[in-house]
Amino acid sequence: AAQAQEQAQQQAQQREEEAASSSRREAAAQARGLEGARREEELQDKVAQLERAREQAAEEAAASSAAMQEQRGAAEEDLRAEILRRGLAEQRLLVVEAQLAEAARPAQAREESRETDA
């Protein structure tokens, strides 16, 4: 009877150890699962951060491109305005030269008249 009781205690102790071992294995598996889930979550966070950074960089590039286009358009407009100003200045110069030539004709005619008189 004592031997049967001792054997029953050993079996109970063995079952307890097996249950504890099984519980430890399950806990370890759950921990690995949790660790894997945590790592996956961290990776998803990193992917989201990279995606946001990419979107921000694309927005900045688009804004920079738009600003450059605007500056280029303004520079082209300034250049056209300068070309028009120069064209107008050249036209005024031609008018003034023509007026000077016209004004010089009577003086030249008087000079020629004096020379022929003398």
N, C-alpha and C. Protein backbone atom coordinates (compact mmCIF):
# COMPACT_ATOMS: atom_id res chain seq x y z
N ALA A 1 0.84 -1.20 0.00
CA ALA A 1 0.00 0.00 0.00
C ALA A 1 0.88 1.25 0.00
N ALA A 2 1.94 1.20 0.83
CA ALA A 2 2.84 2.35 0.88
C ALA A 2 3.53 2.53 -0.45
N GLN A 3 3.86 1.39 -1.05
CA GLN A 3 4.52 1.45 -2.34
C GLN A 3 3.56 2.01 -3.40
N ALA A 4 2.33 1.63 -3.37
CA ALA A 4 1.32 2.12 -4.31
C ALA A 4 1.11 3.61 -4.11
N GLN A 5 1.07 4.01 -2.83
CA GLN A 5 0.90 5.43 -2.54
C GLN A 5 2.11 6.23 -3.05
N GLU A 6 3.31 5.71 -2.83
CA GLU A 6 4.52 6.38 -3.30
C GLU A 6 4.52 6.45 -4.82
N GLN A 7 4.11 5.39 -5.45
CA GLN A 7 4.05 5.37 -6.90
C GLN A 7 3.01 6.38 -7.40
N ALA A 8 1.89 6.49 -6.74
CA ALA A 8 0.85 7.45 -7.12
C ALA A 8 1.36 8.88 -6.95
N GLN A 9 2.13 9.09 -5.86
CA GLN A 9 2.69 10.43 -5.63
C GLN A 9 3.71 10.76 -6.73
N GLN A 10 4.53 9.78 -7.10
CA GLN A 10 5.52 10.00 -8.16
C GLN A 10 4.81 10.32 -9.49
N GLN A 11 3.75 9.56 -9.76
CA GLN A 11 3.00 9.81 -11.00
C GLN A 11 2.35 11.20 -10.97
N ALA A 12 1.82 11.57 -9.80
CA ALA A 12 1.19 12.89 -9.67
C ALA A 12 2.25 13.98 -9.85
N GLN A 13 3.42 13.73 -9.23
CA GLN A 13 4.51 14.71 -9.35
C GLN A 13 4.97 14.78 -10.80
N GLN A 14 5.05 13.66 -11.48
CA GLN A 14 5.47 13.63 -12.88
C GLN A 14 4.45 14.37 -13.75
N ARG A 15 3.16 14.17 -13.49
CA ARG A 15 2.12 14.88 -14.24
C ARG A 15 2.20 16.39 -14.00
N GLU A 16 2.48 16.75 -12.74
CA GLU A 16 2.62 18.17 -12.42
C GLU A 16 3.82 18.77 -13.17
N GLU A 17 4.93 18.03 -13.19
CA GLU A 17 6.11 18.51 -13.91
C GLU A 17 5.84 18.62 -15.40
N GLU A 18 5.14 17.62 -15.94
CA GLU A 18 4.80 17.65 -17.37
C GLU A 18 3.85 18.83 -17.66
N ALA A 19 2.90 19.04 -16.76
CA ALA A 19 1.97 20.16 -16.94
C ALA A 19 2.73 21.49 -16.84
N ALA A 20 3.65 21.57 -15.87
CA ALA A 20 4.44 22.80 -15.72
C ALA A 20 5.32 23.01 -16.95
N SER A 21 5.93 21.93 -17.43
CA SER A 21 6.77 22.01 -18.62
C SER A 21 5.94 22.44 -19.82
N SER A 22 4.77 21.84 -19.94
CA SER A 22 3.86 22.19 -21.03
C SER A 22 3.44 23.66 -20.91
N SER A 23 3.17 24.09 -19.69
CA SER A 23 2.80 25.50 -19.47
C SER A 23 3.95 26.42 -19.84
N ARG A 24 5.18 26.00 -19.47
CA ARG A 24 6.34 26.81 -19.83
C ARG A 24 6.52 26.89 -21.34
N ARG A 25 6.33 25.74 -22.01
CA ARG A 25 6.44 25.73 -23.48
C ARG A 25 5.38 26.63 -24.11
N GLU A 26 4.15 26.52 -23.58
CA GLU A 26 3.08 27.38 -24.10
C GLU A 26 3.38 28.85 -23.84
N ALA A 27 3.88 29.14 -22.64
CA ALA A 27 4.22 30.52 -22.31
C ALA A 27 5.33 31.02 -23.22
N ALA A 28 6.33 30.16 -23.48
CA ALA A 28 7.44 30.53 -24.36
C ALA A 28 6.92 30.77 -25.78
N ALA A 29 6.02 29.89 -26.23
CA ALA A 29 5.45 30.06 -27.57
C ALA A 29 4.65 31.35 -27.65
N GLN A 30 3.88 31.61 -26.59
CA GLN A 30 3.12 32.86 -26.57
C GLN A 30 4.06 34.07 -26.57
N ALA A 31 5.14 33.95 -25.80
CA ALA A 31 6.11 35.05 -25.74
C ALA A 31 6.73 35.26 -27.11
N ARG A 32 7.09 34.14 -27.77
CA ARG A 32 7.64 34.27 -29.13
C ARG A 32 6.61 34.89 -30.07
N GLY A 33 5.37 34.45 -29.90
CA GLY A 33 4.29 35.02 -30.72
C GLY A 33 4.11 36.50 -30.44
N LEU A 34 4.16 36.86 -29.17
CA LEU A 34 4.04 38.28 -28.80
C LEU A 34 5.24 39.06 -29.32
N GLU A 35 6.43 38.47 -29.21
CA GLU A 35 7.65 39.12 -29.70
C GLU A 35 7.55 39.31 -31.21
N GLY A 36 7.09 38.27 -31.89
CA GLY A 36 6.92 38.37 -33.34
C GLY A 36 5.90 39.44 -33.70
N ALA A 37 4.79 39.47 -32.94
CA ALA A 37 3.76 40.49 -33.20
C ALA A 37 4.32 41.88 -32.93
N ARG A 38 5.11 42.01 -31.85
CA ARG A 38 5.70 43.30 -31.52
C ARG A 38 6.66 43.73 -32.63
N ARG A 39 7.49 42.79 -33.09
CA ARG A 39 8.42 43.11 -34.18
C ARG A 39 7.67 43.50 -35.45
N GLU A 40 6.61 42.76 -35.74
CA GLU A 40 5.80 43.08 -36.93
C GLU A 40 5.20 44.48 -36.80
N GLU A 41 4.72 44.80 -35.62
CA GLU A 41 4.15 46.13 -35.38
C GLU A 41 5.22 47.21 -35.55
N GLU A 42 6.42 46.94 -35.02
CA GLU A 42 7.51 47.91 -35.18
C GLU A 42 7.86 48.11 -36.65
N LEU A 43 7.90 47.00 -37.41
CA LEU A 43 8.19 47.09 -38.83
C LEU A 43 7.09 47.87 -39.57
N GLN A 44 5.84 47.61 -39.19
CA GLN A 44 4.74 48.35 -39.82
C GLN A 44 4.85 49.84 -39.50
N ASP A 45 5.24 50.17 -38.25
CA ASP A 45 5.44 51.57 -37.88
C ASP A 45 6.56 52.20 -38.72
N LYS A 46 7.66 51.45 -38.89
CA LYS A 46 8.77 51.96 -39.69
C LYS A 46 8.34 52.16 -41.15
N VAL A 47 7.60 51.21 -41.68
CA VAL A 47 7.10 51.33 -43.05
C VAL A 47 6.21 52.57 -43.17
N ALA A 48 5.34 52.77 -42.19
CA ALA A 48 4.45 53.94 -42.20
C ALA A 48 5.27 55.23 -42.13
N GLN A 49 6.30 55.25 -41.28
CA GLN A 49 7.17 56.44 -41.18
C GLN A 49 7.86 56.72 -42.51
N LEU A 50 8.38 55.66 -43.13
CA LEU A 50 9.06 55.83 -44.42
C LEU A 50 8.09 56.31 -45.49
N GLU A 51 6.88 55.79 -45.47
CA GLU A 51 5.86 56.21 -46.43
C GLU A 51 5.52 57.70 -46.23
N ARG A 52 5.37 58.12 -44.97
CA ARG A 52 5.09 59.53 -44.69
C ARG A 52 6.27 60.40 -45.15
N ALA A 53 7.49 59.94 -44.89
CA ALA A 53 8.68 60.70 -45.31
C ALA A 53 8.73 60.80 -46.83
N ARG A 54 8.40 59.72 -47.52
CA ARG A 54 8.38 59.72 -48.98
C ARG A 54 7.33 60.69 -49.51
N GLU A 55 6.14 60.66 -48.90
CA GLU A 55 5.08 61.57 -49.31
C GLU A 55 5.48 63.02 -49.08
N GLN A 56 6.11 63.27 -47.94
CA GLN A 56 6.55 64.64 -47.62
C GLN A 56 7.61 65.09 -48.62
N ALA A 57 8.54 64.20 -48.93
CA ALA A 57 9.58 64.54 -49.91
C ALA A 57 8.96 64.81 -51.28
N ALA A 58 7.96 64.02 -51.66
CA ALA A 58 7.29 64.24 -52.94
C ALA A 58 6.56 65.58 -52.95
N GLU A 59 5.91 65.92 -51.83
CA GLU A 59 5.22 67.21 -51.73
C GLU A 59 6.22 68.36 -51.81
N GLU A 60 7.35 68.21 -51.11
CA GLU A 60 8.38 69.26 -51.14
C GLU A 60 8.96 69.41 -52.54
N ALA A 61 9.17 68.28 -53.22
CA ALA A 61 9.69 68.33 -54.59
C ALA A 61 8.69 69.01 -55.52
N ALA A 62 7.41 68.69 -55.34
CA ALA A 62 6.39 69.32 -56.18
C ALA A 62 6.32 70.82 -55.90
N ALA A 63 6.39 71.19 -54.63
CA ALA A 63 6.34 72.61 -54.28
C ALA A 63 7.57 73.34 -54.83
N SER A 64 8.73 72.70 -54.72
CA SER A 64 9.96 73.29 -55.25
C SER A 64 9.86 73.44 -56.76
N SER A 65 9.34 72.43 -57.43
CA SER A 65 9.19 72.49 -58.88
C SER A 65 8.23 73.60 -59.27
N ALA A 66 7.13 73.72 -58.53
CA ALA A 66 6.16 74.79 -58.82
C ALA A 66 6.79 76.16 -58.60
N ALA A 67 7.57 76.29 -57.54
CA ALA A 67 8.24 77.57 -57.27
C ALA A 67 9.24 77.89 -58.38
N MET A 68 9.96 76.88 -58.83
CA MET A 68 10.93 77.09 -59.91
C MET A 68 10.21 77.49 -61.20
N GLN A 69 9.08 76.84 -61.48
CA GLN A 69 8.29 77.18 -62.67
C GLN A 69 7.82 78.63 -62.58
N GLU A 70 7.36 79.00 -61.39
CA GLU A 70 6.87 80.36 -61.18
C GLU A 70 8.01 81.37 -61.37
N GLN A 71 9.18 81.06 -60.80
CA GLN A 71 10.33 81.95 -60.95
C GLN A 71 10.75 82.04 -62.42
N ARG A 72 10.71 80.91 -63.10
CA ARG A 72 11.09 80.91 -64.52
C ARG A 72 10.10 81.76 -65.31
N GLY A 73 8.81 81.61 -65.02
CA GLY A 73 7.80 82.42 -65.71
C GLY A 73 8.00 83.89 -65.45
N ALA A 74 8.30 84.25 -64.20
CA ALA A 74 8.54 85.65 -63.86
C ALA A 74 9.79 86.17 -64.57
N ALA A 75 10.83 85.36 -64.63
CA ALA A 75 12.06 85.78 -65.31
C ALA A 75 11.81 85.96 -66.81
N GLU A 76 11.03 85.06 -67.41
CA GLU A 76 10.71 85.20 -68.83
C GLU A 76 9.89 86.47 -69.07
N GLU A 77 8.97 86.74 -68.17
CA GLU A 77 8.15 87.96 -68.29
C GLU A 77 9.03 89.20 -68.15
N ASP A 78 9.96 89.18 -67.19
CA ASP A 78 10.89 90.30 -67.03
C ASP A 78 11.74 90.49 -68.30
N LEU A 79 12.17 89.39 -68.88
CA LEU A 79 12.98 89.46 -70.10
C LEU A 79 12.18 90.06 -71.25
N ARG A 80 10.93 89.63 -71.41
CA ARG A 80 10.09 90.20 -72.47
C ARG A 80 9.89 91.70 -72.25
N ALA A 81 9.66 92.08 -71.01
CA ALA A 81 9.48 93.50 -70.70
C ALA A 81 10.75 94.29 -71.02
N GLU A 82 11.90 93.73 -70.70
CA GLU A 82 13.17 94.40 -71.00
C GLU A 82 13.38 94.52 -72.51
N ILE A 83 13.02 93.49 -73.25
CA ILE A 83 13.14 93.53 -74.71
C ILE A 83 12.24 94.63 -75.27
N LEU A 84 11.01 94.72 -74.74
CA LEU A 84 10.10 95.78 -75.20
C LEU A 84 10.66 97.16 -74.86
N ARG A 85 11.20 97.32 -73.63
CA ARG A 85 11.78 98.62 -73.24
C ARG A 85 12.93 98.99 -74.17
N ARG A 86 13.78 98.04 -74.48
CA ARG A 86 14.91 98.31 -75.37
C ARG A 86 14.42 98.67 -76.77
N GLY A 87 13.39 97.94 -77.22
CA GLY A 87 12.84 98.23 -78.56
C GLY A 87 12.28 99.65 -78.60
N LEU A 88 11.56 100.03 -77.54
CA LEU A 88 11.00 101.39 -77.48
C LEU A 88 12.12 102.42 -77.42
N ALA A 89 13.17 102.14 -76.65
CA ALA A 89 14.29 103.07 -76.54
C ALA A 89 14.98 103.22 -77.90
N GLU A 90 15.13 102.12 -78.63
CA GLU A 90 15.75 102.19 -79.96
C GLU A 90 14.88 103.01 -80.92
N GLN A 91 13.56 102.82 -80.83
CA GLN A 91 12.66 103.60 -81.68
C GLN A 91 12.76 105.08 -81.35
N ARG A 92 12.79 105.42 -80.06
CA ARG A 92 12.94 106.84 -79.67
C ARG A 92 14.25 107.41 -80.18
N LEU A 93 15.30 106.60 -80.09
CA LEU A 93 16.60 107.04 -80.58
C LEU A 93 16.54 107.34 -82.08
N LEU A 94 15.88 106.47 -82.84
CA LEU A 94 15.75 106.69 -84.28
C LEU A 94 14.95 107.96 -84.56
N VAL A 95 13.89 108.19 -83.77
CA VAL A 95 13.07 109.40 -83.95
C VAL A 95 13.92 110.63 -83.65
N VAL A 96 14.67 110.59 -82.54
CA VAL A 96 15.51 111.73 -82.17
C VAL A 96 16.57 111.97 -83.24
N GLU A 97 17.19 110.92 -83.75
CA GLU A 97 18.19 111.06 -84.81
C GLU A 97 17.58 111.68 -86.07
N ALA A 98 16.37 111.22 -86.39
CA ALA A 98 15.68 111.78 -87.57
C ALA A 98 15.36 113.25 -87.33
N GLN A 99 14.92 113.59 -86.13
CA GLN A 99 14.62 114.99 -85.81
C GLN A 99 15.89 115.84 -85.88
N LEU A 100 16.99 115.31 -85.37
CA LEU A 100 18.26 116.05 -85.44
C LEU A 100 18.68 116.26 -86.89
N ALA A 101 18.52 115.23 -87.70
CA ALA A 101 18.89 115.34 -89.10
C ALA A 101 18.00 116.37 -89.78
N GLU A 102 16.70 116.35 -89.45
CA GLU A 102 15.76 117.32 -90.01
C GLU A 102 16.11 118.74 -89.58
N ALA A 103 16.45 118.88 -88.31
CA ALA A 103 16.81 120.20 -87.78
C ALA A 103 18.13 120.68 -88.39
N ALA A 104 19.02 119.78 -88.73
CA ALA A 104 20.32 120.16 -89.28
C ALA A 104 20.21 120.56 -90.74
N ARG A 105 19.18 120.18 -91.47
CA ARG A 105 19.05 120.50 -92.90
C ARG A 105 18.97 122.01 -93.15
N PRO A 106 18.13 122.75 -92.45
CA PRO A 106 18.11 124.20 -92.73
C PRO A 106 19.45 124.85 -92.43
N ALA A 107 20.09 124.41 -91.36
CA ALA A 107 21.40 124.99 -91.02
C ALA A 107 22.39 124.63 -92.10
N GLN A 108 22.32 123.42 -92.59
CA GLN A 108 23.24 122.99 -93.65
C GLN A 108 22.93 123.76 -94.95
N ALA A 109 21.66 123.95 -95.20
CA ALA A 109 21.28 124.71 -96.41
C ALA A 109 21.78 126.14 -96.32
N ARG A 110 21.68 126.77 -95.14
CA ARG A 110 22.19 128.15 -94.97
C ARG A 110 23.71 128.18 -95.16
N GLU A 111 24.37 127.16 -94.63
CA GLU A 111 25.82 127.07 -94.75
C GLU A 111 26.21 126.95 -96.21
N GLU A 112 25.50 126.11 -96.95
CA GLU A 112 25.79 125.93 -98.37
C GLU A 112 25.49 127.21 -99.15
N SER A 113 24.44 127.91 -98.71
CA SER A 113 24.07 129.17 -99.36
C SER A 113 25.15 130.21 -99.13
N ARG A 114 25.72 130.28 -97.96
CA ARG A 114 26.81 131.22 -97.67
C ARG A 114 28.03 130.90 -98.51
N GLU A 115 28.30 129.61 -98.62
CA GLU A 115 29.49 129.21 -99.38
C GLU A 115 29.33 129.60 -100.85
N THR A 116 28.14 129.43 -101.38
CA THR A 116 27.94 129.78 -102.77
C THR A 116 27.91 131.29 -102.99
N ASP A 117 27.46 132.03 -101.96
CA ASP A 117 27.45 133.49 -102.01
C ASP A 117 28.86 134.05 -101.94
N ALA A 118 29.72 133.41 -101.24
CA ALA A 118 31.08 133.92 -101.01
C ALA A 118 31.94 133.56 -102.14
